[in-house]
Amino acid sequence: MGNDNKAPATKTWLRILLVIAGTVCVGLGIVGIFVPVLPTTPFLLLAAACYARSSPRFHSWLLNNKWFGSYIRNYLERKGITLRAKIITLSLLWTTIGVSVAFAVETLALKLILIIIAIGVSIHILSLRTLK
C-alpha cells in the first residue's frame, strides 16, 4: 500500500506557500497604492485567491479590511466599482502609461504593448458596473 502521510504534508506546504504568496501580494498591492506604475487591484485579488485556498482567517481579514476590503468584495461579487474609483483608476493608468511611453520606453514595440495593455485595462474598467 502507498504512504498516505505524504498528502497531509503536501497540503500543509501548499497552504504555507499560498499564505506567503498572498502576503507578498498584499504587500505589493499596498506599495501599488503609492507607486502608480504598480497595479494595486490585481495583487489584492490574487491575495484574496491565495488566502481563500489557504487561510480563512487571512481571507476574512482581507475582505473586511477598512481600506480596501469593500473594493475587493464588490469586485469579487461582481457588484462593480464606484464612478470615483473608475475615474481615479483610468486617470492614473493613462498618466503612468503616457509618461512611460513618452519618457521611459524607447522601443516602439514596447510602447505599443503598453498602449494595448492600457486600452485593454480601460475596456475592462469601463465594462464593470458603476456603483452609486
N, C-alpha and C. Protein backbone atom coordinates (compact mmCIF):
# COMPACT_ATOMS: atom_id res chain seq x y z
N MET A 1 0.83 -1.20 0.00
CA MET A 1 0.00 0.00 0.00
C MET A 1 0.87 1.25 0.00
N GLY A 2 0.32 2.34 -0.49
CA GLY A 2 1.06 3.59 -0.56
C GLY A 2 1.14 4.27 0.80
N ASN A 3 2.00 5.25 0.87
CA ASN A 3 2.19 6.01 2.10
C ASN A 3 1.25 7.22 2.08
N ASP A 4 0.24 7.22 2.94
CA ASP A 4 -0.75 8.30 2.98
C ASP A 4 -0.27 9.51 3.77
N ASN A 5 0.89 9.43 4.38
CA ASN A 5 1.41 10.55 5.16
C ASN A 5 1.90 11.69 4.30
N LYS A 6 2.16 11.43 3.02
CA LYS A 6 2.66 12.48 2.13
C LYS A 6 1.59 13.51 1.81
N ALA A 7 0.36 13.08 1.68
CA ALA A 7 -0.71 14.00 1.30
C ALA A 7 -0.91 15.12 2.31
N PRO A 8 -1.01 14.85 3.62
CA PRO A 8 -1.18 15.95 4.58
C PRO A 8 0.03 16.89 4.60
N ALA A 9 1.23 16.35 4.47
CA ALA A 9 2.43 17.19 4.46
C ALA A 9 2.44 18.09 3.23
N THR A 10 2.04 17.54 2.09
CA THR A 10 1.99 18.33 0.86
C THR A 10 0.97 19.45 0.99
N LYS A 11 -0.19 19.13 1.55
CA LYS A 11 -1.23 20.15 1.74
C LYS A 11 -0.76 21.24 2.70
N THR A 12 -0.03 20.85 3.74
CA THR A 12 0.48 21.83 4.69
C THR A 12 1.44 22.78 4.00
N TRP A 13 2.37 22.23 3.20
CA TRP A 13 3.32 23.08 2.49
C TRP A 13 2.63 23.97 1.47
N LEU A 14 1.63 23.45 0.81
CA LEU A 14 0.88 24.25 -0.16
C LEU A 14 0.18 25.41 0.54
N ARG A 15 -0.44 25.13 1.68
CA ARG A 15 -1.10 26.19 2.44
C ARG A 15 -0.10 27.26 2.87
N ILE A 16 1.06 26.83 3.35
CA ILE A 16 2.09 27.78 3.77
C ILE A 16 2.54 28.64 2.59
N LEU A 17 2.78 28.00 1.45
CA LEU A 17 3.20 28.75 0.26
C LEU A 17 2.12 29.73 -0.21
N LEU A 18 0.87 29.32 -0.12
CA LEU A 18 -0.22 30.21 -0.53
C LEU A 18 -0.37 31.39 0.43
N VAL A 19 -0.18 31.15 1.73
CA VAL A 19 -0.22 32.26 2.69
C VAL A 19 0.92 33.23 2.42
N ILE A 20 2.12 32.70 2.15
CA ILE A 20 3.27 33.56 1.83
C ILE A 20 2.99 34.35 0.55
N ALA A 21 2.51 33.67 -0.49
CA ALA A 21 2.21 34.34 -1.76
C ALA A 21 1.14 35.41 -1.56
N GLY A 22 0.10 35.10 -0.79
CA GLY A 22 -0.95 36.07 -0.52
C GLY A 22 -0.42 37.29 0.21
N THR A 23 0.45 37.05 1.18
CA THR A 23 1.02 38.15 1.95
C THR A 23 1.92 39.02 1.08
N VAL A 24 2.71 38.40 0.22
CA VAL A 24 3.55 39.17 -0.71
C VAL A 24 2.66 40.00 -1.64
N CYS A 25 1.56 39.42 -2.10
CA CYS A 25 0.63 40.16 -2.98
C CYS A 25 -0.02 41.34 -2.25
N VAL A 26 -0.38 41.14 -0.99
CA VAL A 26 -0.93 42.26 -0.21
C VAL A 26 0.12 43.37 -0.11
N GLY A 27 1.36 42.98 0.18
CA GLY A 27 2.44 43.97 0.27
C GLY A 27 2.62 44.73 -1.04
N LEU A 28 2.64 44.00 -2.15
CA LEU A 28 2.77 44.65 -3.46
C LEU A 28 1.57 45.54 -3.76
N GLY A 29 0.39 45.08 -3.37
CA GLY A 29 -0.82 45.89 -3.56
C GLY A 29 -0.76 47.19 -2.78
N ILE A 30 -0.26 47.12 -1.55
CA ILE A 30 -0.12 48.33 -0.73
C ILE A 30 0.91 49.27 -1.33
N VAL A 31 2.02 48.72 -1.80
CA VAL A 31 3.04 49.55 -2.46
C VAL A 31 2.43 50.20 -3.70
N GLY A 32 1.57 49.44 -4.40
CA GLY A 32 0.92 49.95 -5.61
C GLY A 32 0.01 51.13 -5.36
N ILE A 33 -0.46 51.30 -4.13
CA ILE A 33 -1.26 52.48 -3.79
C ILE A 33 -0.43 53.74 -3.95
N PHE A 34 0.85 53.64 -3.63
CA PHE A 34 1.73 54.80 -3.64
C PHE A 34 2.60 54.89 -4.89
N VAL A 35 2.76 53.79 -5.61
CA VAL A 35 3.57 53.76 -6.83
C VAL A 35 2.62 53.49 -7.99
N PRO A 36 2.29 54.52 -8.75
CA PRO A 36 1.24 54.38 -9.78
C PRO A 36 1.52 53.32 -10.84
N VAL A 37 2.78 53.00 -11.11
CA VAL A 37 3.08 52.02 -12.16
C VAL A 37 2.72 50.61 -11.70
N LEU A 38 2.71 50.38 -10.41
CA LEU A 38 2.42 49.06 -9.85
C LEU A 38 0.91 48.95 -9.61
N PRO A 39 0.25 47.97 -10.21
CA PRO A 39 -1.21 47.86 -10.05
C PRO A 39 -1.58 47.32 -8.68
N THR A 40 -2.56 47.91 -8.05
CA THR A 40 -2.99 47.50 -6.72
C THR A 40 -4.03 46.38 -6.79
N THR A 41 -5.08 46.58 -7.55
CA THR A 41 -6.21 45.66 -7.56
C THR A 41 -5.83 44.22 -7.94
N PRO A 42 -5.06 44.01 -9.02
CA PRO A 42 -4.73 42.61 -9.36
C PRO A 42 -3.98 41.89 -8.23
N PHE A 43 -3.09 42.60 -7.55
CA PHE A 43 -2.36 41.97 -6.46
C PHE A 43 -3.29 41.64 -5.29
N LEU A 44 -4.22 42.53 -4.99
CA LEU A 44 -5.15 42.26 -3.90
C LEU A 44 -6.11 41.13 -4.26
N LEU A 45 -6.53 41.05 -5.50
CA LEU A 45 -7.39 39.94 -5.93
C LEU A 45 -6.63 38.62 -5.89
N LEU A 46 -5.38 38.65 -6.29
CA LEU A 46 -4.55 37.44 -6.21
C LEU A 46 -4.34 37.03 -4.75
N ALA A 47 -4.14 38.00 -3.88
CA ALA A 47 -4.00 37.71 -2.45
C ALA A 47 -5.28 37.07 -1.92
N ALA A 48 -6.43 37.60 -2.33
CA ALA A 48 -7.71 37.03 -1.89
C ALA A 48 -7.84 35.58 -2.35
N ALA A 49 -7.42 35.29 -3.58
CA ALA A 49 -7.49 33.92 -4.09
C ALA A 49 -6.55 33.00 -3.31
N CYS A 50 -5.35 33.47 -3.03
CA CYS A 50 -4.40 32.66 -2.26
C CYS A 50 -4.93 32.40 -0.85
N TYR A 51 -5.43 33.43 -0.20
CA TYR A 51 -5.96 33.27 1.16
C TYR A 51 -7.21 32.40 1.18
N ALA A 52 -8.04 32.49 0.14
CA ALA A 52 -9.26 31.68 0.10
C ALA A 52 -8.93 30.19 0.10
N ARG A 53 -7.80 29.83 -0.51
CA ARG A 53 -7.40 28.42 -0.57
C ARG A 53 -6.53 27.98 0.59
N SER A 54 -6.10 28.94 1.43
CA SER A 54 -5.12 28.56 2.45
C SER A 54 -5.49 28.97 3.87
N SER A 55 -6.13 30.13 4.04
CA SER A 55 -6.37 30.63 5.39
C SER A 55 -7.67 31.43 5.47
N PRO A 56 -8.71 30.82 6.02
CA PRO A 56 -9.97 31.56 6.19
C PRO A 56 -9.78 32.83 7.02
N ARG A 57 -8.88 32.80 7.98
CA ARG A 57 -8.64 33.96 8.83
C ARG A 57 -8.07 35.14 8.03
N PHE A 58 -7.03 34.87 7.22
CA PHE A 58 -6.45 35.93 6.41
C PHE A 58 -7.42 36.40 5.33
N HIS A 59 -8.17 35.47 4.76
CA HIS A 59 -9.15 35.82 3.73
C HIS A 59 -10.20 36.76 4.30
N SER A 60 -10.69 36.43 5.48
CA SER A 60 -11.68 37.28 6.15
C SER A 60 -11.09 38.64 6.47
N TRP A 61 -9.86 38.65 6.96
CA TRP A 61 -9.19 39.93 7.27
C TRP A 61 -9.10 40.81 6.03
N LEU A 62 -8.71 40.22 4.90
CA LEU A 62 -8.55 40.99 3.67
C LEU A 62 -9.89 41.53 3.18
N LEU A 63 -10.91 40.69 3.19
CA LEU A 63 -12.22 41.12 2.68
C LEU A 63 -12.91 42.11 3.61
N ASN A 64 -12.50 42.16 4.86
CA ASN A 64 -13.11 43.08 5.81
C ASN A 64 -12.19 44.24 6.18
N ASN A 65 -11.09 44.37 5.46
CA ASN A 65 -10.15 45.46 5.71
C ASN A 65 -10.83 46.79 5.44
N LYS A 66 -10.62 47.77 6.33
CA LYS A 66 -11.36 49.04 6.20
C LYS A 66 -10.91 49.87 5.01
N TRP A 67 -9.71 49.65 4.49
CA TRP A 67 -9.23 50.48 3.37
C TRP A 67 -9.56 49.89 2.01
N PHE A 68 -9.43 48.59 1.84
CA PHE A 68 -9.65 48.04 0.51
C PHE A 68 -10.57 46.82 0.49
N GLY A 69 -11.11 46.43 1.63
CA GLY A 69 -11.99 45.27 1.68
C GLY A 69 -13.23 45.41 0.82
N SER A 70 -13.86 46.58 0.87
CA SER A 70 -15.10 46.76 0.10
C SER A 70 -14.83 46.71 -1.40
N TYR A 71 -13.68 47.24 -1.84
CA TYR A 71 -13.36 47.19 -3.27
C TYR A 71 -13.20 45.74 -3.74
N ILE A 72 -12.51 44.94 -2.93
CA ILE A 72 -12.30 43.54 -3.29
C ILE A 72 -13.62 42.78 -3.28
N ARG A 73 -14.42 42.96 -2.24
CA ARG A 73 -15.72 42.28 -2.15
C ARG A 73 -16.62 42.66 -3.32
N ASN A 74 -16.71 43.95 -3.60
CA ASN A 74 -17.57 44.40 -4.70
C ASN A 74 -17.11 43.81 -6.03
N TYR A 75 -15.79 43.74 -6.23
CA TYR A 75 -15.27 43.18 -7.47
C TYR A 75 -15.56 41.69 -7.54
N LEU A 76 -15.26 40.97 -6.46
CA LEU A 76 -15.47 39.52 -6.45
C LEU A 76 -16.94 39.14 -6.58
N GLU A 77 -17.81 39.96 -6.02
CA GLU A 77 -19.25 39.70 -6.08
C GLU A 77 -19.89 40.29 -7.34
N ARG A 78 -19.05 40.83 -8.21
CA ARG A 78 -19.48 41.43 -9.48
C ARG A 78 -20.49 42.55 -9.30
N LYS A 79 -20.37 43.26 -8.20
CA LYS A 79 -21.26 44.40 -7.95
C LYS A 79 -20.81 45.62 -8.71
N GLY A 80 -19.50 45.74 -8.96
CA GLY A 80 -18.96 46.87 -9.69
C GLY A 80 -18.08 47.73 -8.83
N ILE A 81 -17.72 48.90 -9.37
CA ILE A 81 -16.90 49.86 -8.65
C ILE A 81 -17.51 51.24 -8.79
N THR A 82 -17.14 52.13 -7.90
CA THR A 82 -17.72 53.47 -7.91
C THR A 82 -17.20 54.28 -9.11
N LEU A 83 -17.94 55.30 -9.48
CA LEU A 83 -17.52 56.18 -10.56
C LEU A 83 -16.20 56.85 -10.19
N ARG A 84 -16.07 57.25 -8.94
CA ARG A 84 -14.83 57.87 -8.46
C ARG A 84 -13.64 56.92 -8.66
N ALA A 85 -13.83 55.64 -8.31
CA ALA A 85 -12.75 54.65 -8.47
C ALA A 85 -12.40 54.46 -9.95
N LYS A 86 -13.42 54.47 -10.81
CA LYS A 86 -13.16 54.36 -12.24
C LYS A 86 -12.34 55.54 -12.75
N ILE A 87 -12.74 56.74 -12.36
CA ILE A 87 -12.04 57.95 -12.82
C ILE A 87 -10.60 57.96 -12.33
N ILE A 88 -10.40 57.66 -11.05
CA ILE A 88 -9.04 57.65 -10.49
C ILE A 88 -8.19 56.57 -11.17
N THR A 89 -8.77 55.38 -11.33
CA THR A 89 -8.04 54.28 -11.96
C THR A 89 -7.63 54.62 -13.38
N LEU A 90 -8.57 55.10 -14.17
CA LEU A 90 -8.25 55.42 -15.56
C LEU A 90 -7.29 56.60 -15.68
N SER A 91 -7.44 57.58 -14.80
CA SER A 91 -6.53 58.73 -14.82
C SER A 91 -5.11 58.30 -14.50
N LEU A 92 -4.94 57.52 -13.44
CA LEU A 92 -3.61 57.05 -13.07
C LEU A 92 -3.03 56.11 -14.14
N LEU A 93 -3.88 55.24 -14.66
CA LEU A 93 -3.44 54.31 -15.71
C LEU A 93 -2.87 55.06 -16.90
N TRP A 94 -3.66 56.00 -17.43
CA TRP A 94 -3.22 56.69 -18.64
C TRP A 94 -2.09 57.68 -18.37
N THR A 95 -2.05 58.25 -17.18
CA THR A 95 -0.93 59.14 -16.83
C THR A 95 0.37 58.35 -16.79
N THR A 96 0.37 57.23 -16.08
CA THR A 96 1.61 56.45 -15.96
C THR A 96 2.02 55.81 -17.28
N ILE A 97 1.05 55.31 -18.04
CA ILE A 97 1.38 54.73 -19.35
C ILE A 97 1.88 55.84 -20.28
N GLY A 98 1.22 56.98 -20.25
CA GLY A 98 1.64 58.10 -21.10
C GLY A 98 3.05 58.58 -20.79
N VAL A 99 3.35 58.73 -19.52
CA VAL A 99 4.70 59.15 -19.11
C VAL A 99 5.71 58.09 -19.50
N SER A 100 5.36 56.83 -19.28
CA SER A 100 6.28 55.73 -19.64
C SER A 100 6.55 55.71 -21.14
N VAL A 101 5.50 55.83 -21.94
CA VAL A 101 5.66 55.81 -23.39
C VAL A 101 6.45 57.03 -23.86
N ALA A 102 6.19 58.19 -23.26
CA ALA A 102 6.84 59.42 -23.71
C ALA A 102 8.30 59.53 -23.26
N PHE A 103 8.59 59.08 -22.03
CA PHE A 103 9.91 59.38 -21.49
C PHE A 103 10.75 58.16 -21.08
N ALA A 104 10.13 57.04 -20.76
CA ALA A 104 10.89 55.93 -20.18
C ALA A 104 11.19 54.80 -21.16
N VAL A 105 10.34 54.62 -22.15
CA VAL A 105 10.49 53.50 -23.07
C VAL A 105 10.94 54.01 -24.43
N GLU A 106 11.97 53.36 -24.96
CA GLU A 106 12.49 53.79 -26.27
C GLU A 106 12.03 52.90 -27.41
N THR A 107 11.79 51.64 -27.14
CA THR A 107 11.44 50.67 -28.17
C THR A 107 9.98 50.85 -28.61
N LEU A 108 9.78 50.97 -29.90
CA LEU A 108 8.43 51.17 -30.44
C LEU A 108 7.52 50.00 -30.08
N ALA A 109 8.02 48.78 -30.18
CA ALA A 109 7.21 47.60 -29.88
C ALA A 109 6.73 47.63 -28.43
N LEU A 110 7.61 48.01 -27.51
CA LEU A 110 7.23 48.08 -26.09
C LEU A 110 6.23 49.20 -25.85
N LYS A 111 6.39 50.32 -26.55
CA LYS A 111 5.42 51.40 -26.44
C LYS A 111 4.04 50.93 -26.88
N LEU A 112 3.99 50.20 -27.99
CA LEU A 112 2.71 49.69 -28.49
C LEU A 112 2.10 48.68 -27.52
N ILE A 113 2.94 47.83 -26.93
CA ILE A 113 2.44 46.85 -25.96
C ILE A 113 1.82 47.57 -24.76
N LEU A 114 2.49 48.61 -24.26
CA LEU A 114 1.96 49.37 -23.13
C LEU A 114 0.62 50.02 -23.47
N ILE A 115 0.52 50.57 -24.66
CA ILE A 115 -0.73 51.21 -25.08
C ILE A 115 -1.84 50.18 -25.23
N ILE A 116 -1.53 49.01 -25.78
CA ILE A 116 -2.52 47.95 -25.93
C ILE A 116 -2.99 47.47 -24.56
N ILE A 117 -2.06 47.33 -23.62
CA ILE A 117 -2.43 46.94 -22.26
C ILE A 117 -3.35 47.99 -21.64
N ALA A 118 -3.00 49.26 -21.79
CA ALA A 118 -3.82 50.34 -21.24
C ALA A 118 -5.22 50.33 -21.85
N ILE A 119 -5.31 50.08 -23.14
CA ILE A 119 -6.62 50.01 -23.80
C ILE A 119 -7.42 48.83 -23.23
N GLY A 120 -6.78 47.68 -23.09
CA GLY A 120 -7.45 46.50 -22.54
C GLY A 120 -7.95 46.72 -21.12
N VAL A 121 -7.09 47.30 -20.28
CA VAL A 121 -7.50 47.57 -18.90
C VAL A 121 -8.62 48.60 -18.87
N SER A 122 -8.54 49.61 -19.73
CA SER A 122 -9.60 50.62 -19.79
C SER A 122 -10.93 50.01 -20.19
N ILE A 123 -10.91 49.14 -21.17
CA ILE A 123 -12.14 48.48 -21.60
C ILE A 123 -12.71 47.66 -20.45
N HIS A 124 -11.84 46.95 -19.75
CA HIS A 124 -12.31 46.15 -18.61
C HIS A 124 -12.92 47.03 -17.52
N ILE A 125 -12.24 48.10 -17.15
CA ILE A 125 -12.74 49.01 -16.10
C ILE A 125 -14.08 49.62 -16.51
N LEU A 126 -14.16 50.05 -17.75
CA LEU A 126 -15.40 50.68 -18.22
C LEU A 126 -16.54 49.67 -18.36
N SER A 127 -16.22 48.40 -18.51
CA SER A 127 -17.26 47.39 -18.64
C SER A 127 -17.85 46.96 -17.29
N LEU A 128 -17.17 47.33 -16.21
CA LEU A 128 -17.67 46.99 -14.88
C LEU A 128 -18.87 47.87 -14.53
N ARG A 129 -19.79 47.32 -13.79
CA ARG A 129 -20.96 48.07 -13.34
C ARG A 129 -20.49 49.22 -12.46
N THR A 130 -21.16 50.36 -12.59
CA THR A 130 -20.82 51.53 -11.77
C THR A 130 -21.74 51.57 -10.55
N LEU A 131 -21.11 51.53 -9.39
CA LEU A 131 -21.87 51.60 -8.14
C LEU A 131 -22.25 53.03 -7.83
N LYS A 132 -23.38 53.22 -7.23
CA LYS A 132 -23.83 54.56 -6.84
C LYS A 132 -23.26 54.89 -5.47
